C-alpha cells in the first residue's frame, strides 16, 4: 500500500487495481503491528488483492514475514504464531510467486540481518530481502 502512488502511474495497473489493493489492505495492515488480524480476514483480503492482480494480468508475488523472536511473545502474545499463519496463507495464495524470506533468515546469521529487536531488517537484511525478491521474480519470467 505504500507503493499506491507509483502503482496508479503504471498504465497496466492504473487506478482500478490500486483501488482494490487500498480497499483490502486494511485487513493485512495489522500484520505489521502488534494487533492481530484474524486469519480468516487476512485470507479473504489477501485473496481479493491477488485476484485483482491476476485479473489485470499481473503476476502477484507474496513476501513472507520474518517470524518475530520468541522474546516478543511477552509484549505481543501469539504474534509469532499468527505471523507463521499469515506466511502460510500468503504461500497458499501465490505458491508460484512466494518469496520465502524466513527460511533464508534461519539459515543465515540472524544477528547480521536483523536489528536488535530481532524482527526489523538491517541494511544487510534489506539487501538479502531484495536478492530473495529478485530470485522469486526471475522464476516468474
N, C-alpha and C. Protein backbone atom coordinates (compact mmCIF):
# COMPACT_ATOMS: atom_id res chain seq x y z
N UNK A 1 0.80 -1.19 0.00
CA UNK A 1 0.00 0.00 0.00
C UNK A 1 0.85 1.26 0.00
N UNK A 2 2.11 1.16 0.40
CA UNK A 2 2.99 2.32 0.35
C UNK A 2 3.35 2.67 -1.09
N UNK A 3 3.19 1.71 -1.99
CA UNK A 3 3.50 1.93 -3.39
C UNK A 3 2.31 2.49 -4.17
N UNK A 4 1.22 2.76 -3.50
CA UNK A 4 0.00 3.17 -4.16
C UNK A 4 0.21 4.32 -5.15
N UNK A 5 0.91 5.41 -4.79
CA UNK A 5 1.08 6.49 -5.77
C UNK A 5 1.81 6.02 -7.03
N UNK A 6 2.81 5.17 -6.88
CA UNK A 6 3.54 4.67 -8.03
C UNK A 6 2.67 3.72 -8.86
N UNK A 7 1.87 2.89 -8.21
CA UNK A 7 1.02 1.94 -8.92
C UNK A 7 0.01 2.65 -9.82
N UNK A 8 -0.51 3.77 -9.34
CA UNK A 8 -1.51 4.50 -10.13
C UNK A 8 -0.93 5.01 -11.44
N UNK A 9 0.38 5.25 -11.47
CA UNK A 9 1.00 5.78 -12.67
C UNK A 9 1.37 4.70 -13.68
N UNK A 10 1.34 3.44 -13.28
CA UNK A 10 1.68 2.35 -14.20
C UNK A 10 0.47 2.10 -15.09
N UNK A 11 0.64 2.25 -16.41
CA UNK A 11 -0.51 2.14 -17.32
C UNK A 11 -1.29 0.83 -17.19
N UNK A 12 -0.61 -0.29 -17.00
CA UNK A 12 -1.31 -1.57 -16.93
C UNK A 12 -2.10 -1.73 -15.64
N UNK A 13 -1.66 -1.08 -14.60
CA UNK A 13 -2.32 -1.23 -13.31
C UNK A 13 -3.38 -0.16 -13.14
N UNK A 14 -2.95 1.08 -13.27
CA UNK A 14 -3.87 2.19 -13.15
C UNK A 14 -4.56 2.24 -11.80
N UNK A 15 -5.61 3.01 -11.76
CA UNK A 15 -6.32 3.22 -10.51
C UNK A 15 -7.17 2.07 -10.05
N UNK A 16 -7.64 1.22 -10.99
CA UNK A 16 -8.57 0.15 -10.63
C UNK A 16 -7.94 -0.86 -9.68
N UNK A 17 -6.76 -1.38 -10.04
CA UNK A 17 -6.10 -2.36 -9.17
C UNK A 17 -5.63 -1.68 -7.90
N UNK A 18 -5.10 -0.48 -8.03
CA UNK A 18 -4.63 0.25 -6.85
C UNK A 18 -5.78 0.48 -5.87
N UNK A 19 -6.96 0.78 -6.38
CA UNK A 19 -8.12 0.99 -5.51
C UNK A 19 -8.50 -0.29 -4.77
N UNK A 20 -8.42 -1.44 -5.46
CA UNK A 20 -8.75 -2.71 -4.80
C UNK A 20 -7.72 -3.04 -3.73
N UNK A 21 -6.45 -2.78 -4.03
CA UNK A 21 -5.41 -3.03 -3.02
C UNK A 21 -5.66 -2.15 -1.81
N UNK A 22 -5.97 -0.90 -2.05
CA UNK A 22 -6.23 0.02 -0.94
C UNK A 22 -7.44 -0.44 -0.12
N UNK A 23 -8.47 -0.92 -0.81
CA UNK A 23 -9.69 -1.37 -0.13
C UNK A 23 -9.41 -2.58 0.77
N UNK A 24 -8.65 -3.54 0.27
CA UNK A 24 -8.47 -4.79 1.00
C UNK A 24 -7.23 -4.81 1.89
N UNK A 25 -6.36 -3.82 1.81
CA UNK A 25 -5.14 -3.84 2.60
C UNK A 25 -5.39 -3.68 4.09
N UNK A 26 -6.54 -3.09 4.43
CA UNK A 26 -6.82 -2.83 5.84
C UNK A 26 -6.74 -4.10 6.68
N UNK A 27 -7.21 -5.19 6.16
CA UNK A 27 -7.15 -6.45 6.89
C UNK A 27 -5.77 -7.06 6.91
N UNK A 28 -4.86 -6.52 6.11
CA UNK A 28 -3.49 -7.02 6.10
C UNK A 28 -2.59 -6.13 6.93
N UNK A 29 -2.91 -4.88 6.99
CA UNK A 29 -2.06 -3.89 7.60
C UNK A 29 -1.72 -4.21 9.05
N UNK A 30 -2.64 -4.76 9.79
CA UNK A 30 -2.41 -5.05 11.18
C UNK A 30 -1.38 -6.15 11.40
N UNK A 31 -1.02 -6.86 10.33
CA UNK A 31 0.02 -7.88 10.47
C UNK A 31 1.34 -7.25 10.84
N UNK A 32 1.50 -5.97 10.55
CA UNK A 32 2.78 -5.29 10.82
C UNK A 32 2.78 -4.60 12.18
N UNK A 33 1.69 -4.61 12.87
CA UNK A 33 1.67 -4.02 14.20
C UNK A 33 1.42 -5.14 15.20
N UNK A 34 1.21 -4.80 16.44
CA UNK A 34 1.01 -5.83 17.45
C UNK A 34 -0.43 -6.26 17.59
N UNK A 35 -1.33 -5.63 16.84
CA UNK A 35 -2.72 -6.07 16.84
C UNK A 35 -2.85 -7.21 15.84
N UNK A 36 -3.56 -8.21 16.22
CA UNK A 36 -3.68 -9.40 15.37
C UNK A 36 -4.91 -9.28 14.48
N UNK A 37 -4.70 -9.54 13.20
CA UNK A 37 -5.79 -9.64 12.24
C UNK A 37 -6.19 -11.11 12.20
N UNK A 38 -7.46 -11.40 12.24
CA UNK A 38 -7.87 -12.81 12.21
C UNK A 38 -7.38 -13.46 10.92
N UNK A 39 -7.09 -14.75 11.03
CA UNK A 39 -6.61 -15.49 9.85
C UNK A 39 -7.65 -15.47 8.73
N UNK A 40 -8.92 -15.58 9.10
CA UNK A 40 -9.99 -15.58 8.09
C UNK A 40 -10.04 -14.24 7.36
N UNK A 41 -9.93 -13.16 8.10
CA UNK A 41 -9.97 -11.83 7.46
C UNK A 41 -8.72 -11.61 6.61
N UNK A 42 -7.57 -12.02 7.12
CA UNK A 42 -6.33 -11.89 6.36
C UNK A 42 -6.43 -12.67 5.05
N UNK A 43 -6.90 -13.93 5.14
CA UNK A 43 -7.04 -14.77 3.95
C UNK A 43 -7.99 -14.14 2.93
N UNK A 44 -9.14 -13.66 3.39
CA UNK A 44 -10.14 -13.07 2.49
C UNK A 44 -9.58 -11.83 1.79
N UNK A 45 -8.99 -10.93 2.55
CA UNK A 45 -8.49 -9.69 1.96
C UNK A 45 -7.28 -9.93 1.07
N UNK A 46 -6.42 -10.83 1.47
CA UNK A 46 -5.25 -11.13 0.65
C UNK A 46 -5.69 -11.77 -0.67
N UNK A 47 -6.66 -12.65 -0.59
CA UNK A 47 -7.18 -13.30 -1.81
C UNK A 47 -7.77 -12.27 -2.76
N UNK A 48 -8.43 -11.26 -2.23
CA UNK A 48 -9.01 -10.22 -3.08
C UNK A 48 -7.92 -9.43 -3.79
N UNK A 49 -6.83 -9.14 -3.11
CA UNK A 49 -5.72 -8.42 -3.74
C UNK A 49 -5.09 -9.27 -4.83
N UNK A 50 -4.86 -10.55 -4.54
CA UNK A 50 -4.27 -11.46 -5.53
C UNK A 50 -5.20 -11.57 -6.75
N UNK A 51 -6.49 -11.69 -6.51
CA UNK A 51 -7.47 -11.79 -7.59
C UNK A 51 -7.44 -10.54 -8.47
N UNK A 52 -7.39 -9.37 -7.84
CA UNK A 52 -7.35 -8.11 -8.60
C UNK A 52 -6.09 -8.05 -9.46
N UNK A 53 -4.98 -8.49 -8.92
CA UNK A 53 -3.74 -8.50 -9.71
C UNK A 53 -3.86 -9.45 -10.89
N UNK A 54 -4.34 -10.66 -10.64
CA UNK A 54 -4.44 -11.64 -11.72
C UNK A 54 -5.43 -11.21 -12.80
N UNK A 55 -6.51 -10.57 -12.40
CA UNK A 55 -7.48 -10.08 -13.39
C UNK A 55 -6.86 -9.01 -14.28
N UNK A 56 -5.88 -8.29 -13.74
CA UNK A 56 -5.18 -7.26 -14.51
C UNK A 56 -3.94 -7.84 -15.19
N UNK A 57 -3.82 -9.18 -15.20
CA UNK A 57 -2.70 -9.89 -15.82
C UNK A 57 -1.36 -9.53 -15.18
N UNK A 58 -1.39 -9.35 -13.86
CA UNK A 58 -0.18 -9.09 -13.08
C UNK A 58 0.11 -10.33 -12.27
N UNK A 59 1.32 -10.83 -12.34
CA UNK A 59 1.71 -11.99 -11.54
C UNK A 59 2.05 -11.51 -10.13
N UNK A 60 1.22 -11.86 -9.16
CA UNK A 60 1.49 -11.39 -7.80
C UNK A 60 2.66 -12.14 -7.17
N UNK A 61 3.41 -11.43 -6.37
CA UNK A 61 4.49 -12.02 -5.58
C UNK A 61 4.14 -11.78 -4.13
N UNK A 62 4.09 -12.84 -3.36
CA UNK A 62 3.82 -12.73 -1.94
C UNK A 62 5.13 -12.87 -1.17
N UNK A 63 5.37 -11.94 -0.27
CA UNK A 63 6.60 -11.97 0.51
C UNK A 63 6.25 -12.35 1.94
N UNK A 64 6.88 -13.41 2.41
CA UNK A 64 6.62 -13.85 3.78
C UNK A 64 7.17 -12.88 4.81
N UNK A 65 6.61 -12.95 5.99
CA UNK A 65 7.07 -12.12 7.10
C UNK A 65 8.20 -12.84 7.83
N UNK A 66 9.24 -12.12 8.24
CA UNK A 66 10.20 -12.77 9.13
C UNK A 66 9.50 -13.02 10.47
N UNK A 67 9.65 -14.20 11.00
CA UNK A 67 8.99 -14.50 12.27
C UNK A 67 9.61 -13.67 13.39
N UNK A 68 8.78 -13.05 14.21
CA UNK A 68 9.33 -12.30 15.33
C UNK A 68 9.99 -13.23 16.33
N UNK A 69 10.97 -12.73 17.07
CA UNK A 69 11.64 -13.59 18.04
C UNK A 69 10.70 -14.00 19.18
N UNK A 70 11.02 -15.08 19.81
CA UNK A 70 10.21 -15.57 20.93
C UNK A 70 10.11 -14.52 22.03
N UNK A 71 11.15 -13.69 22.16
CA UNK A 71 11.15 -12.66 23.20
C UNK A 71 10.01 -11.65 23.03
N UNK A 72 9.43 -11.55 21.83
CA UNK A 72 8.32 -10.63 21.60
C UNK A 72 7.01 -11.17 22.16
N UNK A 73 6.98 -12.43 22.50
CA UNK A 73 5.73 -13.04 22.99
C UNK A 73 5.22 -12.35 24.26
N UNK A 74 6.12 -11.86 25.09
CA UNK A 74 5.66 -11.21 26.31
C UNK A 74 4.95 -9.89 26.00
N UNK A 75 5.40 -9.19 24.95
CA UNK A 75 4.77 -7.93 24.54
C UNK A 75 3.55 -8.16 23.66
N UNK A 76 3.60 -9.22 22.88
CA UNK A 76 2.54 -9.48 21.90
C UNK A 76 2.25 -10.96 21.83
N UNK A 77 1.53 -11.49 22.80
CA UNK A 77 1.26 -12.93 22.83
C UNK A 77 0.57 -13.42 21.56
N UNK A 78 1.12 -14.47 20.97
CA UNK A 78 0.52 -15.07 19.79
C UNK A 78 0.96 -14.48 18.47
N UNK A 79 1.71 -13.36 18.49
CA UNK A 79 2.08 -12.72 17.23
C UNK A 79 2.96 -13.63 16.37
N UNK A 80 3.87 -14.35 17.00
CA UNK A 80 4.74 -15.27 16.26
C UNK A 80 3.91 -16.35 15.56
N UNK A 81 2.95 -16.89 16.27
CA UNK A 81 2.07 -17.92 15.71
C UNK A 81 1.26 -17.36 14.55
N UNK A 82 0.75 -16.13 14.73
CA UNK A 82 -0.02 -15.51 13.65
C UNK A 82 0.85 -15.17 12.46
N UNK A 83 2.07 -14.71 12.68
CA UNK A 83 2.97 -14.41 11.56
C UNK A 83 3.21 -15.68 10.74
N UNK A 84 3.40 -16.81 11.41
CA UNK A 84 3.59 -18.08 10.70
C UNK A 84 2.32 -18.43 9.92
N UNK A 85 1.16 -18.19 10.51
CA UNK A 85 -0.10 -18.48 9.82
C UNK A 85 -0.28 -17.56 8.62
N UNK A 86 0.07 -16.27 8.77
CA UNK A 86 -0.02 -15.34 7.64
C UNK A 86 0.89 -15.82 6.51
N UNK A 87 2.10 -16.29 6.86
CA UNK A 87 3.02 -16.79 5.83
C UNK A 87 2.41 -17.97 5.08
N UNK A 88 1.74 -18.85 5.79
CA UNK A 88 1.08 -19.99 5.13
C UNK A 88 -0.01 -19.51 4.18
N UNK A 89 -0.78 -18.54 4.60
CA UNK A 89 -1.85 -18.00 3.77
C UNK A 89 -1.28 -17.34 2.52
N UNK A 90 -0.22 -16.55 2.70
CA UNK A 90 0.43 -15.89 1.57
C UNK A 90 0.95 -16.94 0.60
N UNK A 91 1.62 -17.97 1.14
CA UNK A 91 2.18 -19.03 0.29
C UNK A 91 1.09 -19.77 -0.48
N UNK A 92 -0.02 -20.10 0.19
CA UNK A 92 -1.13 -20.78 -0.48
C UNK A 92 -1.71 -19.92 -1.60
N UNK A 93 -1.77 -18.62 -1.38
CA UNK A 93 -2.40 -17.71 -2.34
C UNK A 93 -1.56 -17.50 -3.59
N UNK A 94 -0.24 -17.50 -3.43
CA UNK A 94 0.66 -17.22 -4.57
C UNK A 94 1.81 -18.21 -4.56
N UNK A 95 1.51 -19.49 -4.52
CA UNK A 95 2.55 -20.51 -4.36
C UNK A 95 3.67 -20.38 -5.38
N UNK A 96 3.33 -20.04 -6.63
CA UNK A 96 4.36 -19.93 -7.65
C UNK A 96 5.14 -18.63 -7.52
N UNK A 97 4.62 -17.66 -6.79
CA UNK A 97 5.30 -16.38 -6.62
C UNK A 97 5.53 -16.04 -5.17
N UNK A 98 5.89 -17.04 -4.36
CA UNK A 98 6.11 -16.80 -2.94
C UNK A 98 7.58 -16.57 -2.67
N UNK A 99 7.89 -15.46 -2.05
CA UNK A 99 9.26 -15.13 -1.67
C UNK A 99 9.42 -15.46 -0.18
N UNK A 100 10.08 -16.55 0.08
CA UNK A 100 10.23 -17.04 1.45
C UNK A 100 11.48 -16.44 2.08
N UNK A 101 11.28 -15.38 2.82
CA UNK A 101 12.41 -14.72 3.47
C UNK A 101 12.80 -15.45 4.76
N UNK A 102 11.84 -16.07 5.42
CA UNK A 102 12.10 -16.69 6.73
C UNK A 102 13.07 -17.85 6.65
N UNK A 103 12.92 -18.74 5.67
CA UNK A 103 13.81 -19.89 5.57
C UNK A 103 15.26 -19.44 5.46
N UNK A 104 15.51 -18.47 4.62
CA UNK A 104 16.86 -17.96 4.47
C UNK A 104 17.38 -17.30 5.73
N UNK A 105 16.50 -16.63 6.43
CA UNK A 105 16.94 -15.99 7.68
C UNK A 105 17.30 -17.02 8.72
N UNK A 106 16.66 -18.16 8.70
CA UNK A 106 17.01 -19.21 9.64
C UNK A 106 18.36 -19.82 9.30
N UNK A 107 18.68 -19.88 8.00
CA UNK A 107 19.92 -20.50 7.57
C UNK A 107 21.10 -19.55 7.74
N UNK A 108 20.88 -18.28 7.64
CA UNK A 108 21.95 -17.30 7.77
C UNK A 108 21.99 -16.75 9.19
N UNK A 109 22.98 -15.97 9.43
CA UNK A 109 23.09 -15.35 10.75
C UNK A 109 22.03 -14.27 10.92
N UNK A 110 21.09 -14.52 11.79
CA UNK A 110 20.03 -13.55 12.03
C UNK A 110 20.60 -12.27 12.62
N UNK A 111 21.70 -12.39 13.35
CA UNK A 111 22.28 -11.22 14.01
C UNK A 111 22.73 -10.16 13.00
N UNK A 112 23.23 -10.57 11.85
CA UNK A 112 23.70 -9.60 10.87
C UNK A 112 22.57 -9.07 9.99
N UNK A 113 21.47 -9.78 9.92
CA UNK A 113 20.38 -9.38 9.04
C UNK A 113 19.25 -8.65 9.76
N UNK A 114 19.19 -8.81 11.07
CA UNK A 114 18.09 -8.22 11.83
C UNK A 114 18.62 -7.25 12.89
N UNK A 115 17.85 -6.22 13.15
CA UNK A 115 18.18 -5.26 14.21
C UNK A 115 18.07 -5.96 15.56
N UNK A 116 18.55 -5.34 16.62
CA UNK A 116 18.48 -5.97 17.94
C UNK A 116 17.08 -6.41 18.39
N UNK A 117 16.03 -5.79 17.80
CA UNK A 117 14.68 -6.23 18.18
C UNK A 117 14.35 -7.61 17.62
N UNK A 118 15.23 -8.13 16.72
CA UNK A 118 15.04 -9.47 16.20
C UNK A 118 13.97 -9.59 15.14
N UNK A 119 13.42 -8.48 14.69
CA UNK A 119 12.33 -8.53 13.72
C UNK A 119 12.58 -7.63 12.51
N UNK A 120 13.06 -6.43 12.72
CA UNK A 120 13.27 -5.49 11.62
C UNK A 120 14.64 -5.71 10.98
N UNK A 121 14.69 -5.48 9.67
CA UNK A 121 15.90 -5.75 8.90
C UNK A 121 16.94 -4.65 9.01
N UNK A 122 18.22 -5.05 9.02
CA UNK A 122 19.34 -4.13 8.92
C UNK A 122 19.55 -3.80 7.44
N UNK A 123 20.54 -2.97 7.13
CA UNK A 123 20.86 -2.67 5.73
C UNK A 123 21.23 -3.97 5.01
N UNK A 124 22.02 -4.81 5.65
CA UNK A 124 22.39 -6.10 5.05
C UNK A 124 21.15 -6.98 4.88
N UNK A 125 20.24 -6.92 5.84
CA UNK A 125 19.00 -7.67 5.74
C UNK A 125 18.15 -7.20 4.57
N UNK A 126 18.12 -5.90 4.34
CA UNK A 126 17.37 -5.36 3.19
C UNK A 126 17.99 -5.82 1.88
N UNK A 127 19.33 -5.88 1.83
CA UNK A 127 19.99 -6.39 0.62
C UNK A 127 19.59 -7.85 0.39
N UNK A 128 19.62 -8.63 1.47
CA UNK A 128 19.24 -10.04 1.38
C UNK A 128 17.79 -10.17 0.89
N UNK A 129 16.92 -9.36 1.47
CA UNK A 129 15.50 -9.35 1.11
C UNK A 129 15.34 -9.04 -0.38
N UNK A 130 16.06 -8.03 -0.87
CA UNK A 130 15.99 -7.65 -2.29
C UNK A 130 16.49 -8.78 -3.18
N UNK A 131 17.56 -9.45 -2.77
CA UNK A 131 18.08 -10.57 -3.56
C UNK A 131 17.07 -11.70 -3.64
N UNK A 132 16.44 -12.02 -2.51
CA UNK A 132 15.42 -13.09 -2.49
C UNK A 132 14.23 -12.70 -3.37
N UNK A 133 13.84 -11.45 -3.31
CA UNK A 133 12.73 -10.98 -4.13
C UNK A 133 13.09 -11.05 -5.60
N UNK A 134 14.32 -10.68 -5.96
CA UNK A 134 14.76 -10.73 -7.34
C UNK A 134 14.77 -12.18 -7.83
N UNK A 135 15.24 -13.11 -6.99
CA UNK A 135 15.24 -14.53 -7.36
C UNK A 135 13.81 -15.01 -7.65
N UNK A 136 12.88 -14.61 -6.80
CA UNK A 136 11.48 -15.00 -7.00
C UNK A 136 10.94 -14.41 -8.30
N UNK A 137 11.27 -13.17 -8.56
CA UNK A 137 10.81 -12.53 -9.79
C UNK A 137 11.36 -13.25 -11.02
N UNK A 138 12.61 -13.70 -10.96
CA UNK A 138 13.21 -14.40 -12.10
C UNK A 138 12.49 -15.71 -12.40
N UNK A 139 12.00 -16.37 -11.36
CA UNK A 139 11.30 -17.64 -11.59
C UNK A 139 9.97 -17.43 -12.30
N UNK A 140 9.43 -16.23 -12.22
CA UNK A 140 8.13 -15.93 -12.83
C UNK A 140 8.25 -15.44 -14.27
N UNK A 141 9.46 -15.10 -14.67
CA UNK A 141 9.65 -14.57 -16.04
C UNK A 141 9.79 -15.69 -17.05
